[in-house]
Amino acid sequence: MSSENKEQTINEHDENEVVDTQAEEQQAHSEADEQESEADELKRYKEELEKEKDKFLRLFAEFENYKRRTGKERIEMFKTAGQEVMQAMLPVLDDFDRASVEIEKAKDKNLKKGVDLISNKLRETLKSKGLKEMEVKQGDAFDAELHEAITQIPAPKDSLKGKIVDVVEKGYQLGDKIIRYPKVVVGQ
């Protein structure tokens, strides 16, 4: 081979090496770009996943709070569902108390026994539904949060000043809620 041919072959070989090297570099760059792109894409997916997890957790917590709140509201509703009926029955209880006093005067034992039987049955039924009579008696301290003062009179004794002198109408509670405040007379 002539020296020119050798030189041309060497130049072609060198050119091929340069082209191969450039191709390898381009391939390496494209692989690096591809890996970087994949890493960016993976990072973006992880961020989206975190956002969705956060959204899910917030939604789940909100739903749990909703369930708890509606559960409490339901329980409260069941506790006071019969409040209107109970309030409507309170005058009947008052009438039984007045009838009992009047029958006592009449001295008819059978009539008193019958009225007491009906009265007790009604009271026990209402009690089983959560109705409680508020215990208020003469000499108790007056509390505006628990009692309704209908009038003030001069205290018959000094010990009754600022205290309850008489209970005009009984008070009742349904569960923990007062549905009728006791009406009292306060000594001054």
N, C-alpha and C. Protein backbone atom coordinates (compact mmCIF):
# COMPACT_ATOMS: atom_id res chain seq x y z
N MET A 1 0.84 -1.15 0.00
CA MET A 1 0.00 0.00 0.00
C MET A 1 0.89 1.22 0.00
N SER A 2 0.40 2.13 -0.67
CA SER A 2 1.22 3.34 -0.75
C SER A 2 1.02 4.17 0.49
N SER A 3 1.94 5.07 0.64
CA SER A 3 1.89 5.90 1.82
C SER A 3 0.66 6.80 1.79
N GLU A 4 0.22 7.15 0.61
CA GLU A 4 -0.98 7.97 0.53
C GLU A 4 -2.18 7.17 0.96
N ASN A 5 -2.24 5.97 0.55
CA ASN A 5 -3.37 5.10 0.92
C ASN A 5 -3.35 4.84 2.42
N LYS A 6 -2.13 4.65 2.94
CA LYS A 6 -2.03 4.40 4.38
C LYS A 6 -2.51 5.63 5.13
N GLU A 7 -2.11 6.76 4.65
CA GLU A 7 -2.47 7.99 5.31
C GLU A 7 -3.98 8.19 5.21
N GLN A 8 -4.55 7.89 4.08
CA GLN A 8 -5.99 8.06 3.87
C GLN A 8 -6.72 7.08 4.79
N THR A 9 -6.25 5.87 4.89
CA THR A 9 -6.87 4.86 5.74
C THR A 9 -6.79 5.30 7.19
N ILE A 10 -5.62 5.84 7.56
CA ILE A 10 -5.45 6.30 8.95
C ILE A 10 -6.40 7.47 9.19
N ASN A 11 -6.51 8.39 8.23
CA ASN A 11 -7.41 9.53 8.40
C ASN A 11 -8.85 9.08 8.48
N GLU A 12 -9.19 8.11 7.64
CA GLU A 12 -10.57 7.59 7.68
C GLU A 12 -10.82 6.90 9.02
N HIS A 13 -9.79 6.18 9.44
CA HIS A 13 -9.92 5.48 10.73
C HIS A 13 -10.07 6.50 11.86
N ASP A 14 -9.25 7.57 11.78
CA ASP A 14 -9.33 8.62 12.80
C ASP A 14 -10.69 9.32 12.74
N GLU A 15 -11.18 9.54 11.53
CA GLU A 15 -12.48 10.18 11.38
C GLU A 15 -13.58 9.28 11.93
N ASN A 16 -13.44 7.98 11.64
CA ASN A 16 -14.43 7.01 12.18
C ASN A 16 -14.40 7.01 13.69
N GLU A 17 -13.21 7.09 14.27
CA GLU A 17 -13.08 7.12 15.73
C GLU A 17 -13.71 8.38 16.28
N VAL A 18 -13.48 9.51 15.59
CA VAL A 18 -14.05 10.78 16.04
C VAL A 18 -15.57 10.70 15.96
N VAL A 19 -16.07 10.16 14.85
CA VAL A 19 -17.52 10.03 14.68
C VAL A 19 -18.06 9.08 15.73
N ASP A 20 -17.36 7.96 15.95
CA ASP A 20 -17.79 7.01 16.98
C ASP A 20 -17.77 7.66 18.35
N THR A 21 -16.73 8.44 18.63
CA THR A 21 -16.62 9.12 19.92
C THR A 21 -17.74 10.13 20.07
N GLN A 22 -18.02 10.85 19.01
CA GLN A 22 -19.10 11.84 19.06
C GLN A 22 -20.44 11.13 19.25
N ALA A 23 -20.61 10.03 18.57
CA ALA A 23 -21.85 9.26 18.71
C ALA A 23 -21.98 8.75 20.13
N GLU A 24 -20.88 8.25 20.66
CA GLU A 24 -20.90 7.75 22.04
C GLU A 24 -21.21 8.88 23.01
N GLU A 25 -20.61 10.05 22.77
CA GLU A 25 -20.87 11.20 23.64
C GLU A 25 -22.33 11.62 23.54
N GLN A 26 -22.86 11.64 22.31
CA GLN A 26 -24.27 12.00 22.12
C GLN A 26 -25.17 10.98 22.80
N GLN A 27 -24.79 9.72 22.66
CA GLN A 27 -25.58 8.67 23.30
C GLN A 27 -25.51 8.81 24.81
N ALA A 28 -24.32 9.11 25.32
CA ALA A 28 -24.14 9.30 26.76
C ALA A 28 -24.95 10.51 27.22
N HIS A 29 -24.92 11.61 26.44
CA HIS A 29 -25.70 12.80 26.78
C HIS A 29 -27.18 12.49 26.74
N SER A 30 -27.62 11.77 25.70
CA SER A 30 -29.05 11.47 25.60
C SER A 30 -29.47 10.53 26.73
N GLU A 31 -28.60 9.58 27.10
CA GLU A 31 -28.91 8.70 28.23
C GLU A 31 -28.97 9.50 29.52
N ALA A 32 -28.03 10.44 29.69
CA ALA A 32 -28.02 11.29 30.88
C ALA A 32 -29.28 12.16 30.90
N ASP A 33 -29.62 12.74 29.72
CA ASP A 33 -30.83 13.55 29.63
C ASP A 33 -32.07 12.71 29.93
N GLU A 34 -32.07 11.49 29.40
CA GLU A 34 -33.19 10.58 29.62
C GLU A 34 -33.30 10.22 31.09
N GLN A 35 -32.16 9.94 31.74
CA GLN A 35 -32.17 9.61 33.17
C GLN A 35 -32.62 10.81 33.98
N GLU A 36 -32.14 12.00 33.59
CA GLU A 36 -32.53 13.22 34.27
C GLU A 36 -34.03 13.46 34.08
N SER A 37 -34.50 13.22 32.87
CA SER A 37 -35.92 13.38 32.57
C SER A 37 -36.74 12.39 33.39
N GLU A 38 -36.28 11.15 33.47
CA GLU A 38 -36.97 10.13 34.26
C GLU A 38 -36.96 10.50 35.73
N ALA A 39 -35.83 11.04 36.20
CA ALA A 39 -35.75 11.45 37.60
C ALA A 39 -36.71 12.60 37.88
N ASP A 40 -36.78 13.56 36.95
CA ASP A 40 -37.72 14.67 37.11
C ASP A 40 -39.16 14.17 37.09
N GLU A 41 -39.44 13.26 36.19
CA GLU A 41 -40.77 12.69 36.08
C GLU A 41 -41.13 11.92 37.35
N LEU A 42 -40.18 11.15 37.86
CA LEU A 42 -40.39 10.39 39.09
C LEU A 42 -40.64 11.35 40.26
N LYS A 43 -39.86 12.42 40.30
CA LYS A 43 -40.03 13.41 41.36
C LYS A 43 -41.42 14.05 41.27
N ARG A 44 -41.85 14.38 40.04
CA ARG A 44 -43.17 14.96 39.84
C ARG A 44 -44.27 13.99 40.28
N TYR A 45 -44.11 12.71 39.93
CA TYR A 45 -45.09 11.69 40.34
C TYR A 45 -45.14 11.55 41.85
N LYS A 46 -43.98 11.60 42.49
CA LYS A 46 -43.94 11.50 43.96
C LYS A 46 -44.65 12.69 44.59
N GLU A 47 -44.43 13.89 44.05
CA GLU A 47 -45.10 15.08 44.56
C GLU A 47 -46.60 14.97 44.38
N GLU A 48 -47.05 14.50 43.23
CA GLU A 48 -48.48 14.33 42.98
C GLU A 48 -49.06 13.29 43.93
N LEU A 49 -48.29 12.21 44.16
CA LEU A 49 -48.74 11.18 45.09
C LEU A 49 -48.89 11.74 46.50
N GLU A 50 -47.93 12.55 46.93
CA GLU A 50 -48.01 13.17 48.26
C GLU A 50 -49.21 14.09 48.36
N LYS A 51 -49.47 14.86 47.29
CA LYS A 51 -50.63 15.74 47.28
C LYS A 51 -51.92 14.93 47.39
N GLU A 52 -52.00 13.84 46.65
CA GLU A 52 -53.20 13.00 46.68
C GLU A 52 -53.36 12.33 48.06
N LYS A 53 -52.24 11.90 48.65
CA LYS A 53 -52.29 11.31 50.00
C LYS A 53 -52.81 12.34 50.99
N ASP A 54 -52.28 13.56 50.91
CA ASP A 54 -52.71 14.63 51.81
C ASP A 54 -54.20 14.92 51.63
N LYS A 55 -54.62 14.99 50.37
CA LYS A 55 -56.03 15.23 50.06
C LYS A 55 -56.91 14.11 50.64
N PHE A 56 -56.45 12.88 50.47
CA PHE A 56 -57.19 11.73 50.99
C PHE A 56 -57.29 11.78 52.51
N LEU A 57 -56.16 12.06 53.17
CA LEU A 57 -56.17 12.11 54.63
C LEU A 57 -57.08 13.21 55.15
N ARG A 58 -57.06 14.35 54.49
CA ARG A 58 -57.95 15.44 54.90
C ARG A 58 -59.41 15.07 54.69
N LEU A 59 -59.70 14.46 53.58
CA LEU A 59 -61.06 14.03 53.29
C LEU A 59 -61.52 12.97 54.30
N PHE A 60 -60.64 12.05 54.61
CA PHE A 60 -60.96 11.00 55.58
C PHE A 60 -61.22 11.61 56.96
N ALA A 61 -60.36 12.56 57.38
CA ALA A 61 -60.55 13.21 58.67
C ALA A 61 -61.86 14.00 58.70
N GLU A 62 -62.16 14.68 57.61
CA GLU A 62 -63.40 15.43 57.52
C GLU A 62 -64.61 14.50 57.62
N PHE A 63 -64.52 13.36 56.97
CA PHE A 63 -65.62 12.39 57.03
C PHE A 63 -65.78 11.83 58.44
N GLU A 64 -64.66 11.54 59.11
CA GLU A 64 -64.73 11.04 60.49
C GLU A 64 -65.36 12.08 61.40
N ASN A 65 -64.99 13.35 61.24
CA ASN A 65 -65.59 14.42 62.03
C ASN A 65 -67.09 14.52 61.75
N TYR A 66 -67.46 14.38 60.49
CA TYR A 66 -68.88 14.41 60.11
C TYR A 66 -69.64 13.28 60.79
N LYS A 67 -69.07 12.08 60.74
CA LYS A 67 -69.73 10.93 61.38
C LYS A 67 -69.90 11.17 62.88
N ARG A 68 -68.83 11.65 63.53
CA ARG A 68 -68.88 11.90 64.96
C ARG A 68 -69.93 12.96 65.28
N ARG A 69 -69.95 14.06 64.51
CA ARG A 69 -70.89 15.15 64.75
C ARG A 69 -72.33 14.69 64.56
N THR A 70 -72.59 13.97 63.47
CA THR A 70 -73.97 13.52 63.23
C THR A 70 -74.39 12.48 64.26
N GLY A 71 -73.43 11.67 64.72
CA GLY A 71 -73.74 10.70 65.78
C GLY A 71 -74.17 11.40 67.05
N LYS A 72 -73.42 12.46 67.42
CA LYS A 72 -73.78 13.22 68.62
C LYS A 72 -75.14 13.89 68.45
N GLU A 73 -75.38 14.46 67.27
CA GLU A 73 -76.66 15.11 67.02
C GLU A 73 -77.81 14.12 67.10
N ARG A 74 -77.57 12.92 66.59
CA ARG A 74 -78.62 11.89 66.66
C ARG A 74 -78.92 11.49 68.08
N ILE A 75 -77.86 11.29 68.87
CA ILE A 75 -78.05 10.92 70.27
C ILE A 75 -78.81 12.02 70.99
N GLU A 76 -78.42 13.27 70.75
CA GLU A 76 -79.10 14.41 71.38
C GLU A 76 -80.56 14.48 70.94
N MET A 77 -80.81 14.20 69.66
CA MET A 77 -82.18 14.23 69.16
C MET A 77 -83.02 13.14 69.82
N PHE A 78 -82.44 11.94 70.00
CA PHE A 78 -83.19 10.87 70.65
C PHE A 78 -83.47 11.21 72.12
N LYS A 79 -82.51 11.88 72.76
CA LYS A 79 -82.69 12.24 74.16
C LYS A 79 -83.84 13.23 74.33
N THR A 80 -83.95 14.16 73.40
CA THR A 80 -84.96 15.21 73.55
C THR A 80 -86.09 15.09 72.53
N ALA A 81 -86.20 13.96 71.87
CA ALA A 81 -87.23 13.78 70.84
C ALA A 81 -88.63 13.95 71.41
N GLY A 82 -88.84 13.47 72.61
CA GLY A 82 -90.16 13.54 73.21
C GLY A 82 -90.38 14.78 74.04
N GLN A 83 -89.52 15.79 73.90
CA GLN A 83 -89.61 16.97 74.74
C GLN A 83 -90.97 17.66 74.63
N GLU A 84 -91.47 17.84 73.42
CA GLU A 84 -92.76 18.51 73.26
C GLU A 84 -93.89 17.71 73.89
N VAL A 85 -93.85 16.40 73.72
CA VAL A 85 -94.89 15.55 74.32
C VAL A 85 -94.80 15.61 75.84
N MET A 86 -93.56 15.57 76.35
CA MET A 86 -93.36 15.64 77.80
C MET A 86 -93.88 16.97 78.35
N GLN A 87 -93.57 18.06 77.66
CA GLN A 87 -94.04 19.36 78.12
C GLN A 87 -95.57 19.43 78.09
N ALA A 88 -96.16 18.80 77.12
CA ALA A 88 -97.63 18.79 77.05
C ALA A 88 -98.23 17.96 78.18
N MET A 89 -97.49 16.98 78.70
CA MET A 89 -98.00 16.12 79.77
C MET A 89 -97.82 16.73 81.17
N LEU A 90 -96.98 17.75 81.29
CA LEU A 90 -96.72 18.33 82.61
C LEU A 90 -97.97 18.90 83.27
N PRO A 91 -98.86 19.60 82.54
CA PRO A 91 -100.09 20.05 83.19
C PRO A 91 -100.96 18.89 83.70
N VAL A 92 -100.89 17.75 83.03
CA VAL A 92 -101.64 16.57 83.49
C VAL A 92 -101.08 16.10 84.83
N LEU A 93 -99.75 16.10 84.96
CA LEU A 93 -99.14 15.74 86.25
C LEU A 93 -99.56 16.73 87.34
N ASP A 94 -99.58 18.01 87.00
CA ASP A 94 -100.03 19.02 87.97
C ASP A 94 -101.48 18.76 88.39
N ASP A 95 -102.33 18.41 87.42
CA ASP A 95 -103.73 18.12 87.73
C ASP A 95 -103.86 16.91 88.65
N PHE A 96 -103.02 15.89 88.44
CA PHE A 96 -103.05 14.72 89.33
C PHE A 96 -102.64 15.13 90.74
N ASP A 97 -101.66 16.02 90.88
CA ASP A 97 -101.26 16.49 92.22
C ASP A 97 -102.42 17.22 92.91
N ARG A 98 -103.09 18.10 92.15
CA ARG A 98 -104.23 18.83 92.73
C ARG A 98 -105.39 17.87 93.05
N ALA A 99 -105.64 16.90 92.18
CA ALA A 99 -106.72 15.93 92.41
C ALA A 99 -106.44 15.10 93.65
N SER A 100 -105.19 14.75 93.85
CA SER A 100 -104.81 13.95 95.01
C SER A 100 -105.11 14.70 96.31
N VAL A 101 -104.84 16.00 96.32
CA VAL A 101 -105.11 16.83 97.50
C VAL A 101 -106.62 16.91 97.75
N GLU A 102 -107.39 17.12 96.69
CA GLU A 102 -108.85 17.24 96.83
C GLU A 102 -109.49 15.92 97.25
N ILE A 103 -109.00 14.83 96.70
CA ILE A 103 -109.56 13.51 97.05
C ILE A 103 -109.26 13.17 98.49
N GLU A 104 -108.11 13.64 98.97
CA GLU A 104 -107.74 13.43 100.39
C GLU A 104 -108.80 14.04 101.30
N LYS A 105 -109.31 15.20 100.90
CA LYS A 105 -110.34 15.88 101.68
C LYS A 105 -111.66 15.12 101.64
N ALA A 106 -111.95 14.46 100.50
CA ALA A 106 -113.23 13.76 100.33
C ALA A 106 -113.29 12.47 101.12
N LYS A 107 -112.20 11.92 101.52
CA LYS A 107 -112.11 10.70 102.34
C LYS A 107 -112.63 9.45 101.63
N ASP A 108 -112.68 9.46 100.29
CA ASP A 108 -113.10 8.27 99.55
C ASP A 108 -111.84 7.47 99.20
N LYS A 109 -111.63 6.37 99.92
CA LYS A 109 -110.40 5.59 99.78
C LYS A 109 -110.28 4.93 98.42
N ASN A 110 -111.35 4.39 97.88
CA ASN A 110 -111.29 3.72 96.58
C ASN A 110 -110.99 4.71 95.46
N LEU A 111 -111.60 5.89 95.52
CA LEU A 111 -111.34 6.91 94.52
C LEU A 111 -109.88 7.37 94.60
N LYS A 112 -109.39 7.58 95.82
CA LYS A 112 -107.99 7.99 96.01
C LYS A 112 -107.06 6.91 95.50
N LYS A 113 -107.36 5.66 95.78
CA LYS A 113 -106.53 4.55 95.33
C LYS A 113 -106.46 4.50 93.80
N GLY A 114 -107.59 4.69 93.13
CA GLY A 114 -107.64 4.67 91.66
C GLY A 114 -106.85 5.82 91.05
N VAL A 115 -107.04 7.03 91.58
CA VAL A 115 -106.32 8.20 91.07
C VAL A 115 -104.81 8.04 91.31
N ASP A 116 -104.43 7.55 92.49
CA ASP A 116 -103.01 7.34 92.79
C ASP A 116 -102.40 6.29 91.86
N LEU A 117 -103.16 5.24 91.57
CA LEU A 117 -102.68 4.19 90.67
C LEU A 117 -102.40 4.76 89.27
N ILE A 118 -103.33 5.52 88.73
CA ILE A 118 -103.17 6.13 87.40
C ILE A 118 -102.02 7.14 87.42
N SER A 119 -101.98 7.96 88.47
CA SER A 119 -100.93 8.97 88.59
C SER A 119 -99.54 8.32 88.64
N ASN A 120 -99.40 7.27 89.45
CA ASN A 120 -98.10 6.59 89.57
C ASN A 120 -97.69 5.93 88.25
N LYS A 121 -98.67 5.35 87.58
CA LYS A 121 -98.36 4.70 86.30
C LYS A 121 -97.87 5.73 85.28
N LEU A 122 -98.54 6.87 85.21
CA LEU A 122 -98.14 7.94 84.30
C LEU A 122 -96.74 8.46 84.66
N ARG A 123 -96.52 8.69 85.94
CA ARG A 123 -95.22 9.21 86.39
C ARG A 123 -94.09 8.22 86.08
N GLU A 124 -94.31 6.95 86.32
CA GLU A 124 -93.28 5.94 86.06
C GLU A 124 -92.99 5.81 84.56
N THR A 125 -94.03 5.91 83.75
CA THR A 125 -93.84 5.85 82.29
C THR A 125 -93.00 7.04 81.82
N LEU A 126 -93.34 8.23 82.29
CA LEU A 126 -92.59 9.42 81.91
C LEU A 126 -91.15 9.37 82.46
N LYS A 127 -91.02 8.84 83.66
CA LYS A 127 -89.68 8.70 84.26
C LYS A 127 -88.81 7.75 83.44
N SER A 128 -89.42 6.68 82.93
CA SER A 128 -88.66 5.72 82.12
C SER A 128 -88.22 6.33 80.79
N LYS A 129 -88.89 7.40 80.37
CA LYS A 129 -88.52 8.10 79.13
C LYS A 129 -87.56 9.25 79.40
N GLY A 130 -87.11 9.39 80.65
CA GLY A 130 -86.07 10.38 80.97
C GLY A 130 -86.55 11.61 81.71
N LEU A 131 -87.82 11.69 82.07
CA LEU A 131 -88.34 12.86 82.78
C LEU A 131 -88.02 12.73 84.27
N LYS A 132 -87.45 13.81 84.83
CA LYS A 132 -87.14 13.84 86.27
C LYS A 132 -87.75 15.09 86.88
N GLU A 133 -88.29 14.91 88.06
CA GLU A 133 -88.81 16.05 88.80
C GLU A 133 -87.63 16.72 89.51
N MET A 134 -87.58 18.05 89.44
CA MET A 134 -86.51 18.78 90.12
C MET A 134 -86.86 18.90 91.59
N GLU A 135 -85.93 18.54 92.44
CA GLU A 135 -86.16 18.58 93.89
C GLU A 135 -85.94 20.01 94.39
N VAL A 136 -87.01 20.69 94.73
CA VAL A 136 -86.94 22.05 95.27
C VAL A 136 -87.87 22.09 96.47
N LYS A 137 -87.36 22.63 97.58
CA LYS A 137 -88.21 22.72 98.77
C LYS A 137 -87.99 24.05 99.49
N GLN A 138 -88.86 24.34 100.43
CA GLN A 138 -88.76 25.57 101.21
C GLN A 138 -87.42 25.58 101.94
N GLY A 139 -86.76 26.73 101.89
CA GLY A 139 -85.47 26.88 102.58
C GLY A 139 -84.27 26.69 101.67
N ASP A 140 -84.48 26.17 100.44
CA ASP A 140 -83.36 26.05 99.49
C ASP A 140 -82.93 27.44 99.04
N ALA A 141 -81.67 27.58 98.72
CA ALA A 141 -81.15 28.86 98.21
C ALA A 141 -81.72 29.09 96.81
N PHE A 142 -82.10 30.33 96.54
CA PHE A 142 -82.64 30.68 95.23
C PHE A 142 -81.48 30.79 94.24
N ASP A 143 -81.63 30.13 93.09
CA ASP A 143 -80.63 30.20 92.02
C ASP A 143 -81.37 30.57 90.73
N ALA A 144 -81.07 31.73 90.18
CA ALA A 144 -81.76 32.21 88.99
C ALA A 144 -81.53 31.31 87.79
N GLU A 145 -80.46 30.51 87.80
CA GLU A 145 -80.18 29.59 86.71
C GLU A 145 -81.09 28.36 86.77
N LEU A 146 -81.60 28.04 87.97
CA LEU A 146 -82.39 26.82 88.15
C LEU A 146 -83.86 27.07 88.51
N HIS A 147 -84.17 28.27 88.99
CA HIS A 147 -85.52 28.56 89.46
C HIS A 147 -86.07 29.79 88.75
N GLU A 148 -87.40 29.84 88.71
CA GLU A 148 -88.08 31.02 88.17
C GLU A 148 -88.86 31.66 89.32
N ALA A 149 -88.43 32.84 89.72
CA ALA A 149 -89.11 33.55 90.82
C ALA A 149 -90.33 34.26 90.26
N ILE A 150 -91.50 33.93 90.79
CA ILE A 150 -92.71 34.59 90.30
C ILE A 150 -93.06 35.80 91.16
N THR A 151 -92.58 35.79 92.39
CA THR A 151 -92.80 36.94 93.26
C THR A 151 -91.83 36.89 94.44
N GLN A 152 -91.73 38.06 95.12
CA GLN A 152 -90.96 38.14 96.35
C GLN A 152 -91.90 38.62 97.45
N ILE A 153 -91.75 38.00 98.59
CA ILE A 153 -92.57 38.42 99.74
C ILE A 153 -91.62 38.65 100.91
N PRO A 154 -92.08 39.39 101.90
CA PRO A 154 -91.24 39.52 103.09
C PRO A 154 -91.06 38.13 103.72
N ALA A 155 -89.83 37.82 104.07
CA ALA A 155 -89.52 36.49 104.61
C ALA A 155 -90.21 36.31 105.97
N PRO A 156 -90.91 35.16 106.13
CA PRO A 156 -91.58 34.91 107.41
C PRO A 156 -90.57 34.74 108.55
N LYS A 157 -89.37 34.26 108.21
CA LYS A 157 -88.29 34.12 109.20
C LYS A 157 -87.04 34.73 108.59
N ASP A 158 -86.14 35.16 109.42
CA ASP A 158 -84.88 35.72 108.92
C ASP A 158 -84.06 34.69 108.16
N SER A 159 -84.22 33.45 108.53
CA SER A 159 -83.44 32.38 107.87
C SER A 159 -83.89 32.15 106.42
N LEU A 160 -85.07 32.68 106.03
CA LEU A 160 -85.58 32.48 104.67
C LEU A 160 -85.31 33.67 103.75
N LYS A 161 -84.56 34.66 104.21
CA LYS A 161 -84.25 35.80 103.35
C LYS A 161 -83.33 35.35 102.21
N GLY A 162 -83.77 35.65 100.97
CA GLY A 162 -83.01 35.26 99.78
C GLY A 162 -83.15 33.78 99.46
N LYS A 163 -84.05 33.13 100.17
CA LYS A 163 -84.26 31.69 99.94
C LYS A 163 -85.69 31.45 99.48
N ILE A 164 -85.95 30.23 99.10
CA ILE A 164 -87.27 29.86 98.59
C ILE A 164 -88.23 29.71 99.76
N VAL A 165 -89.36 30.43 99.68
CA VAL A 165 -90.38 30.37 100.72
C VAL A 165 -91.44 29.34 100.35
N ASP A 166 -91.79 29.28 99.06
CA ASP A 166 -92.84 28.35 98.63
C ASP A 166 -92.58 27.94 97.18
N VAL A 167 -92.98 26.71 96.83
CA VAL A 167 -92.88 26.22 95.46
C VAL A 167 -94.31 26.22 94.89
N VAL A 168 -94.54 27.06 93.88
CA VAL A 168 -95.87 27.20 93.29
C VAL A 168 -96.09 26.12 92.23
N GLU A 169 -95.08 25.85 91.43
CA GLU A 169 -95.19 24.85 90.36
C GLU A 169 -93.88 24.07 90.28
N LYS A 170 -93.98 22.76 90.20
CA LYS A 170 -92.79 21.92 90.14
C LYS A 170 -92.04 22.11 88.83
N GLY A 171 -90.74 21.87 88.87
CA GLY A 171 -89.92 21.93 87.67
C GLY A 171 -89.53 20.53 87.24
N TYR A 172 -89.24 20.37 85.94
CA TYR A 172 -88.90 19.06 85.41
C TYR A 172 -87.71 19.15 84.46
N GLN A 173 -86.97 18.07 84.43
CA GLN A 173 -85.84 17.93 83.51
C GLN A 173 -86.08 16.73 82.62
N LEU A 174 -85.61 16.85 81.37
CA LEU A 174 -85.61 15.72 80.44
C LEU A 174 -84.15 15.43 80.16
N GLY A 175 -83.66 14.36 80.77
CA GLY A 175 -82.22 14.10 80.72
C GLY A 175 -81.53 15.15 81.57
N ASP A 176 -80.61 15.90 80.99
CA ASP A 176 -79.91 16.97 81.71
C ASP A 176 -80.48 18.35 81.40
N LYS A 177 -81.47 18.40 80.52
CA LYS A 177 -82.02 19.68 80.08
C LYS A 177 -83.29 20.01 80.86
N ILE A 178 -83.35 21.22 81.37
CA ILE A 178 -84.55 21.66 82.11
C ILE A 178 -85.61 22.03 81.08
N ILE A 179 -86.77 21.35 81.16
CA ILE A 179 -87.85 21.67 80.22
C ILE A 179 -88.92 22.55 80.86
N ARG A 180 -88.95 22.58 82.19
CA ARG A 180 -89.81 23.56 82.89
C ARG A 180 -89.13 23.91 84.20
N TYR A 181 -88.88 25.20 84.36
CA TYR A 181 -88.24 25.67 85.59
C TYR A 181 -89.27 25.70 86.71
N PRO A 182 -88.84 25.34 87.94
CA PRO A 182 -89.80 25.42 89.06
C PRO A 182 -90.13 26.88 89.37
N LYS A 183 -91.40 27.16 89.56
CA LYS A 183 -91.84 28.51 89.89
C LYS A 183 -91.90 28.62 91.41
N VAL A 184 -91.15 29.61 91.90
CA VAL A 184 -91.01 29.71 93.35
C VAL A 184 -91.30 31.13 93.84
N VAL A 185 -91.58 31.22 95.14
CA VAL A 185 -91.74 32.50 95.83
C VAL A 185 -90.49 32.67 96.68
N VAL A 186 -89.86 33.85 96.57
CA VAL A 186 -88.60 34.11 97.26
C VAL A 186 -88.83 35.10 98.39
N GLY A 187 -88.20 34.84 99.54
CA GLY A 187 -88.30 35.75 100.69
C GLY A 187 -87.28 36.87 100.56
N GLN A 188 -87.69 38.06 100.96
CA GLN A 188 -86.76 39.20 100.94
C GLN A 188 -86.57 39.82 102.29
